[in-house]
Amino acid sequence: MLIVAIAWIYVVGLMALTETSVVAGIVTFLFYCVLPLGTLIYIAGTGKRKARRRAAEQAAREAGSFEPD
């Protein structure tokens, strides 16, 4: 997925460079690249965040239930 994101950044970067003004280029880059990729990466990472949270909760439960002799 990372290679697709890098390729998309490249394509949109070239699109932004061909815009007629700097403001149009910045807006193009923001609305065609930054916002969609940010949303996509956030959604794609949801499973990893959930798994990390579950692992931390499990480790906390195991550490809390440990009773020394």
PDB file of N, CA and C in Angstrom:
ATOM      1  N   MET A   1       0.826  -1.184   0.000  1.00  0.00           N
ATOM      2  CA  MET A   1       0.000   0.000   0.000  1.00  0.00           C
ATOM      3  C   MET A   1       0.877   1.257   0.000  1.00  0.00           C
ATOM      4  N   LEU A   2       2.031   1.154   0.589  1.00  0.00           N
ATOM      5  CA  LEU A   2       2.920   2.309   0.661  1.00  0.00           C
ATOM      6  C   LEU A   2       3.367   2.746  -0.729  1.00  0.00           C
ATOM      7  N   ILE A   3       3.641   1.793  -1.609  1.00  0.00           N
ATOM      8  CA  ILE A   3       4.088   2.148  -2.957  1.00  0.00           C
ATOM      9  C   ILE A   3       2.977   2.859  -3.729  1.00  0.00           C
ATOM     10  N   VAL A   4       1.734   2.465  -3.486  1.00  0.00           N
ATOM     11  CA  VAL A   4       0.594   3.128  -4.139  1.00  0.00           C
ATOM     12  C   VAL A   4       0.466   4.560  -3.627  1.00  0.00           C
ATOM     13  N   ALA A   5       0.641   4.746  -2.324  1.00  0.00           N
ATOM     14  CA  ALA A   5       0.558   6.092  -1.748  1.00  0.00           C
ATOM     15  C   ALA A   5       1.668   6.983  -2.289  1.00  0.00           C
ATOM     16  N   ILE A   6       2.861   6.452  -2.407  1.00  0.00           N
ATOM     17  CA  ILE A   6       3.977   7.231  -2.942  1.00  0.00           C
ATOM     18  C   ILE A   6       3.727   7.593  -4.400  1.00  0.00           C
ATOM     19  N   ALA A   7       3.216   6.647  -5.177  1.00  0.00           N
ATOM     20  CA  ALA A   7       2.916   6.917  -6.580  1.00  0.00           C
ATOM     21  C   ALA A   7       1.825   7.982  -6.703  1.00  0.00           C
ATOM     22  N   TRP A   8       0.818   7.916  -5.830  1.00  0.00           N
ATOM     23  CA  TRP A   8      -0.258   8.907  -5.875  1.00  0.00           C
ATOM     24  C   TRP A   8       0.273  10.302  -5.514  1.00  0.00           C
ATOM     25  N   ILE A   9       1.152  10.365  -4.533  1.00  0.00           N
ATOM     26  CA  ILE A   9       1.760  11.654  -4.175  1.00  0.00           C
ATOM     27  C   ILE A   9       2.531  12.220  -5.361  1.00  0.00           C
ATOM     28  N   TYR A  10       3.240  11.357  -6.073  1.00  0.00           N
ATOM     29  CA  TYR A  10       4.004  11.788  -7.242  1.00  0.00           C
ATOM     30  C   TYR A  10       3.078  12.337  -8.327  1.00  0.00           C
ATOM     31  N   VAL A  11       2.017  11.592  -8.638  1.00  0.00           N
ATOM     32  CA  VAL A  11       1.083  12.009  -9.687  1.00  0.00           C
ATOM     33  C   VAL A  11       0.425  13.338  -9.327  1.00  0.00           C
ATOM     34  N   VAL A  12      -0.072  13.442  -8.104  1.00  0.00           N
ATOM     35  CA  VAL A  12      -0.749  14.673  -7.701  1.00  0.00           C
ATOM     36  C   VAL A  12       0.247  15.826  -7.598  1.00  0.00           C
ATOM     37  N   GLY A  13       1.463  15.542  -7.202  1.00  0.00           N
ATOM     38  CA  GLY A  13       2.489  16.580  -7.178  1.00  0.00           C
ATOM     39  C   GLY A  13       2.745  17.146  -8.567  1.00  0.00           C
ATOM     40  N   LEU A  14       2.791  16.282  -9.562  1.00  0.00           N
ATOM     41  CA  LEU A  14       2.957  16.755 -10.935  1.00  0.00           C
ATOM     42  C   LEU A  14       1.733  17.537 -11.397  1.00  0.00           C
ATOM     43  N   MET A  15       0.541  17.085 -10.996  1.00  0.00           N
ATOM     44  CA  MET A  15      -0.671  17.843 -11.337  1.00  0.00           C
ATOM     45  C   MET A  15      -0.615  19.228 -10.716  1.00  0.00           C
ATOM     46  N   ALA A  16      -0.175  19.310  -9.473  1.00  0.00           N
ATOM     47  CA  ALA A  16      -0.108  20.592  -8.776  1.00  0.00           C
ATOM     48  C   ALA A  16       0.916  21.517  -9.435  1.00  0.00           C
ATOM     49  N   LEU A  17       2.005  20.952  -9.919  1.00  0.00           N
ATOM     50  CA  LEU A  17       3.019  21.782 -10.583  1.00  0.00           C
ATOM     51  C   LEU A  17       2.517  22.383 -11.890  1.00  0.00           C
ATOM     52  N   THR A  18       1.553  21.744 -12.535  1.00  0.00           N
ATOM     53  CA  THR A  18       1.066  22.263 -13.812  1.00  0.00           C
ATOM     54  C   THR A  18      -0.086  23.261 -13.658  1.00  0.00           C
ATOM     55  N   GLU A  19      -0.501  23.510 -12.433  1.00  0.00           N
ATOM     56  CA  GLU A  19      -1.573  24.493 -12.221  1.00  0.00           C
ATOM     57  C   GLU A  19      -1.082  25.889 -12.596  1.00  0.00           C
ATOM     58  N   THR A  20      -2.028  26.774 -12.885  1.00  0.00           N
ATOM     59  CA  THR A  20      -1.676  28.106 -13.380  1.00  0.00           C
ATOM     60  C   THR A  20      -1.180  29.049 -12.290  1.00  0.00           C
ATOM     61  N   SER A  21      -1.537  28.793 -11.026  1.00  0.00           N
ATOM     62  CA  SER A  21      -1.063  29.660  -9.940  1.00  0.00           C
ATOM     63  C   SER A  21      -0.610  28.794  -8.766  1.00  0.00           C
ATOM     64  N   VAL A  22       0.146  29.404  -7.890  1.00  0.00           N
ATOM     65  CA  VAL A  22       0.647  28.695  -6.712  1.00  0.00           C
ATOM     66  C   VAL A  22      -0.504  28.276  -5.800  1.00  0.00           C
ATOM     67  N   VAL A  23      -1.471  29.151  -5.634  1.00  0.00           N
ATOM     68  CA  VAL A  23      -2.620  28.847  -4.776  1.00  0.00           C
ATOM     69  C   VAL A  23      -3.394  27.658  -5.327  1.00  0.00           C
ATOM     70  N   ALA A  24      -3.616  27.627  -6.627  1.00  0.00           N
ATOM     71  CA  ALA A  24      -4.321  26.508  -7.249  1.00  0.00           C
ATOM     72  C   ALA A  24      -3.530  25.212  -7.075  1.00  0.00           C
ATOM     73  N   GLY A  25      -2.213  25.283  -7.165  1.00  0.00           N
ATOM     74  CA  GLY A  25      -1.377  24.110  -6.963  1.00  0.00           C
ATOM     75  C   GLY A  25      -1.462  23.583  -5.542  1.00  0.00           C
ATOM     76  N   ILE A  26      -1.447  24.488  -4.588  1.00  0.00           N
ATOM     77  CA  ILE A  26      -1.542  24.083  -3.177  1.00  0.00           C
ATOM     78  C   ILE A  26      -2.909  23.461  -2.891  1.00  0.00           C
ATOM     79  N   VAL A  27      -3.961  24.087  -3.399  1.00  0.00           N
ATOM     80  CA  VAL A  27      -5.311  23.561  -3.195  1.00  0.00           C
ATOM     81  C   VAL A  27      -5.458  22.193  -3.862  1.00  0.00           C
ATOM     82  N   THR A  28      -4.930  22.048  -5.060  1.00  0.00           N
ATOM     83  CA  THR A  28      -4.964  20.752  -5.755  1.00  0.00           C
ATOM     84  C   THR A  28      -4.262  19.693  -4.921  1.00  0.00           C
ATOM     85  N   PHE A  29      -3.084  20.012  -4.423  1.00  0.00           N
ATOM     86  CA  PHE A  29      -2.326  19.039  -3.645  1.00  0.00           C
ATOM     87  C   PHE A  29      -3.056  18.676  -2.357  1.00  0.00           C
ATOM     88  N   LEU A  30      -3.640  19.655  -1.699  1.00  0.00           N
ATOM     89  CA  LEU A  30      -4.357  19.378  -0.455  1.00  0.00           C
ATOM     90  C   LEU A  30      -5.585  18.507  -0.680  1.00  0.00           C
ATOM     91  N   PHE A  31      -6.414  18.891  -1.652  1.00  0.00           N
ATOM     92  CA  PHE A  31      -7.689  18.209  -1.832  1.00  0.00           C
ATOM     93  C   PHE A  31      -7.601  16.914  -2.624  1.00  0.00           C
ATOM     94  N   TYR A  32      -6.558  16.724  -3.426  1.00  0.00           N
ATOM     95  CA  TYR A  32      -6.410  15.489  -4.179  1.00  0.00           C
ATOM     96  C   TYR A  32      -5.399  14.537  -3.548  1.00  0.00           C
ATOM     97  N   CYS A  33      -4.599  15.015  -2.632  1.00  0.00           N
ATOM     98  CA  CYS A  33      -3.540  14.166  -2.081  1.00  0.00           C
ATOM     99  C   CYS A  33      -3.599  14.059  -0.560  1.00  0.00           C
ATOM    100  N   VAL A  34      -3.429  15.163   0.118  1.00  0.00           N
ATOM    101  CA  VAL A  34      -3.271  15.126   1.574  1.00  0.00           C
ATOM    102  C   VAL A  34      -4.529  14.599   2.269  1.00  0.00           C
ATOM    103  N   LEU A  35      -5.664  15.163   1.958  1.00  0.00           N
ATOM    104  CA  LEU A  35      -6.901  14.740   2.619  1.00  0.00           C
ATOM    105  C   LEU A  35      -7.299  13.303   2.275  1.00  0.00           C
ATOM    106  N   PRO A  36      -7.335  12.904   0.999  1.00  0.00           N
ATOM    107  CA  PRO A  36      -7.706  11.517   0.702  1.00  0.00           C
ATOM    108  C   PRO A  36      -6.716  10.489   1.251  1.00  0.00           C
ATOM    109  N   LEU A  37      -5.421  10.758   1.115  1.00  0.00           N
ATOM    110  CA  LEU A  37      -4.439   9.800   1.625  1.00  0.00           C
ATOM    111  C   LEU A  37      -4.449   9.741   3.145  1.00  0.00           C
ATOM    112  N   GLY A  38      -4.633  10.875   3.791  1.00  0.00           N
ATOM    113  CA  GLY A  38      -4.730  10.871   5.245  1.00  0.00           C
ATOM    114  C   GLY A  38      -5.906  10.046   5.729  1.00  0.00           C
ATOM    115  N   THR A  39      -7.038  10.209   5.069  1.00  0.00           N
ATOM    116  CA  THR A  39      -8.226   9.430   5.415  1.00  0.00           C
ATOM    117  C   THR A  39      -7.999   7.946   5.152  1.00  0.00           C
ATOM    118  N   LEU A  40      -7.437   7.619   4.012  1.00  0.00           N
ATOM    119  CA  LEU A  40      -7.188   6.227   3.655  1.00  0.00           C
ATOM    120  C   LEU A  40      -6.222   5.558   4.622  1.00  0.00           C
ATOM    121  N   ILE A  41      -5.153   6.235   4.958  1.00  0.00           N
ATOM    122  CA  ILE A  41      -4.168   5.663   5.881  1.00  0.00           C
ATOM    123  C   ILE A  41      -4.760   5.518   7.276  1.00  0.00           C
ATOM    124  N   TYR A  42      -5.589   6.466   7.697  1.00  0.00           N
ATOM    125  CA  TYR A  42      -6.244   6.358   9.006  1.00  0.00           C
ATOM    126  C   TYR A  42      -7.175   5.154   9.045  1.00  0.00           C
ATOM    127  N   ILE A  43      -7.980   4.981   8.006  1.00  0.00           N
ATOM    128  CA  ILE A  43      -8.909   3.846   7.964  1.00  0.00           C
ATOM    129  C   ILE A  43      -8.150   2.525   7.878  1.00  0.00           C
ATOM    130  N   ALA A  44      -7.091   2.479   7.090  1.00  0.00           N
ATOM    131  CA  ALA A  44      -6.317   1.253   6.937  1.00  0.00           C
ATOM    132  C   ALA A  44      -5.607   0.863   8.233  1.00  0.00           C
ATOM    133  N   GLY A  45      -5.274   1.826   9.072  1.00  0.00           N
ATOM    134  CA  GLY A  45      -4.571   1.530  10.313  1.00  0.00           C
ATOM    135  C   GLY A  45      -5.470   1.217  11.486  1.00  0.00           C
ATOM    136  N   THR A  46      -6.793   1.204  11.270  1.00  0.00           N
ATOM    137  CA  THR A  46      -7.723   0.974  12.371  1.00  0.00           C
ATOM    138  C   THR A  46      -7.511  -0.388  13.012  1.00  0.00           C
ATOM    139  N   GLY A  47      -7.327  -1.419  12.214  1.00  0.00           N
ATOM    140  CA  GLY A  47      -7.122  -2.766  12.741  1.00  0.00           C
ATOM    141  C   GLY A  47      -5.866  -2.864  13.592  1.00  0.00           C
ATOM    142  N   LYS A  48      -4.808  -2.231  13.165  1.00  0.00           N
ATOM    143  CA  LYS A  48      -3.564  -2.258  13.929  1.00  0.00           C
ATOM    144  C   LYS A  48      -3.719  -1.533  15.262  1.00  0.00           C
ATOM    145  N   ARG A  49      -4.444  -0.397  15.238  1.00  0.00           N
ATOM    146  CA  ARG A  49      -4.666   0.335  16.492  1.00  0.00           C
ATOM    147  C   ARG A  49      -5.492  -0.483  17.469  1.00  0.00           C
ATOM    148  N   LYS A  50      -6.518  -1.179  16.971  1.00  0.00           N
ATOM    149  CA  LYS A  50      -7.348  -2.020  17.831  1.00  0.00           C
ATOM    150  C   LYS A  50      -6.531  -3.164  18.423  1.00  0.00           C
ATOM    151  N   ALA A  51      -5.717  -3.800  17.591  1.00  0.00           N
ATOM    152  CA  ALA A  51      -4.889  -4.909  18.062  1.00  0.00           C
ATOM    153  C   ALA A  51      -3.887  -4.430  19.111  1.00  0.00           C
ATOM    154  N   ARG A  52      -3.287  -3.268  18.890  1.00  0.00           N
ATOM    155  CA  ARG A  52      -2.329  -2.719  19.839  1.00  0.00           C
ATOM    156  C   ARG A  52      -3.016  -2.398  21.168  1.00  0.00           C
ATOM    157  N   ARG A  53      -4.245  -1.859  21.103  1.00  0.00           N
ATOM    158  CA  ARG A  53      -4.990  -1.531  22.318  1.00  0.00           C
ATOM    159  C   ARG A  53      -5.347  -2.806  23.079  1.00  0.00           C
ATOM    160  N   ARG A  54      -5.804  -3.847  22.347  1.00  0.00           N
ATOM    161  CA  ARG A  54      -6.130  -5.125  22.997  1.00  0.00           C
ATOM    162  C   ARG A  54      -4.905  -5.736  23.656  1.00  0.00           C
ATOM    163  N   ALA A  55      -3.760  -5.682  22.992  1.00  0.00           N
ATOM    164  CA  ALA A  55      -2.529  -6.240  23.552  1.00  0.00           C
ATOM    165  C   ALA A  55      -2.114  -5.483  24.815  1.00  0.00           C
ATOM    166  N   ALA A  56      -2.267  -4.159  24.804  1.00  0.00           N
ATOM    167  CA  ALA A  56      -1.924  -3.371  25.986  1.00  0.00           C
ATOM    168  C   ALA A  56      -2.871  -3.690  27.145  1.00  0.00           C
ATOM    169  N   GLU A  57      -4.162  -3.847  26.839  1.00  0.00           N
ATOM    170  CA  GLU A  57      -5.115  -4.195  27.901  1.00  0.00           C
ATOM    171  C   GLU A  57      -4.832  -5.573  28.459  1.00  0.00           C
ATOM    172  N   GLN A  58      -4.483  -6.517  27.580  1.00  0.00           N
ATOM    173  CA  GLN A  58      -4.161  -7.875  28.036  1.00  0.00           C
ATOM    174  C   GLN A  58      -2.909  -7.853  28.900  1.00  0.00           C
ATOM    175  N   ALA A  59      -1.905  -7.099  28.515  1.00  0.00           N
ATOM    176  CA  ALA A  59      -0.679  -7.011  29.301  1.00  0.00           C
ATOM    177  C   ALA A  59      -0.955  -6.362  30.653  1.00  0.00           C
ATOM    178  N   ALA A  60      -1.833  -5.357  30.679  1.00  0.00           N
ATOM    179  CA  ALA A  60      -2.175  -4.706  31.945  1.00  0.00           C
ATOM    180  C   ALA A  60      -2.937  -5.675  32.861  1.00  0.00           C
ATOM    181  N   ARG A  61      -3.835  -6.466  32.273  1.00  0.00           N
ATOM    182  CA  ARG A  61      -4.563  -7.455  33.085  1.00  0.00           C
ATOM    183  C   ARG A  61      -3.616  -8.501  33.652  1.00  0.00           C
ATOM    184  N   GLU A  62      -2.680  -8.964  32.823  1.00  0.00           N
ATOM    185  CA  GLU A  62      -1.726  -9.980  33.283  1.00  0.00           C
ATOM    186  C   GLU A  62      -0.799  -9.392  34.349  1.00  0.00           C
ATOM    187  N   ALA A  63      -0.398  -8.152  34.192  1.00  0.00           N
ATOM    188  CA  ALA A  63       0.486  -7.530  35.176  1.00  0.00           C
ATOM    189  C   ALA A  63      -0.270  -7.265  36.472  1.00  0.00           C
ATOM    190  N   GLY A  64      -1.544  -6.953  36.385  1.00  0.00           N
ATOM    191  CA  GLY A  64      -2.342  -6.690  37.583  1.00  0.00           C
ATOM    192  C   GLY A  64      -2.694  -7.951  38.340  1.00  0.00           C
ATOM    193  N   SER A  65      -2.783  -9.087  37.642  1.00  0.00           N
ATOM    194  CA  SER A  65      -3.160 -10.335  38.303  1.00  0.00           C
ATOM    195  C   SER A  65      -1.961 -11.086  38.850  1.00  0.00           C
ATOM    196  N   PHE A  66      -0.766 -10.576  38.605  1.00  0.00           N
ATOM    197  CA  PHE A  66       0.442 -11.233  39.106  1.00  0.00           C
ATOM    198  C   PHE A  66       0.550 -11.034  40.604  1.00  0.00           C
ATOM    199  N   GLU A  67       0.680 -12.126  41.326  1.00  0.00           N
ATOM    200  CA  GLU A  67       0.810 -12.062  42.793  1.00  0.00           C
ATOM    201  C   GLU A  67       2.142 -12.657  43.196  1.00  0.00           C
ATOM    202  N   PRO A  68       3.014 -11.842  43.752  1.00  0.00           N
ATOM    203  CA  PRO A  68       4.332 -12.369  44.177  1.00  0.00           C
ATOM    204  C   PRO A  68       4.161 -13.278  45.402  1.00  0.00           C
ATOM    205  N   ASP A  69       5.126 -14.197  45.580  1.00  0.00           N
ATOM    206  CA  ASP A  69       5.094 -15.134  46.726  1.00  0.00           C
ATOM    207  C   ASP A  69       5.324 -14.476  48.025  1.00  0.00           C
TER     208      ASP A  69
END
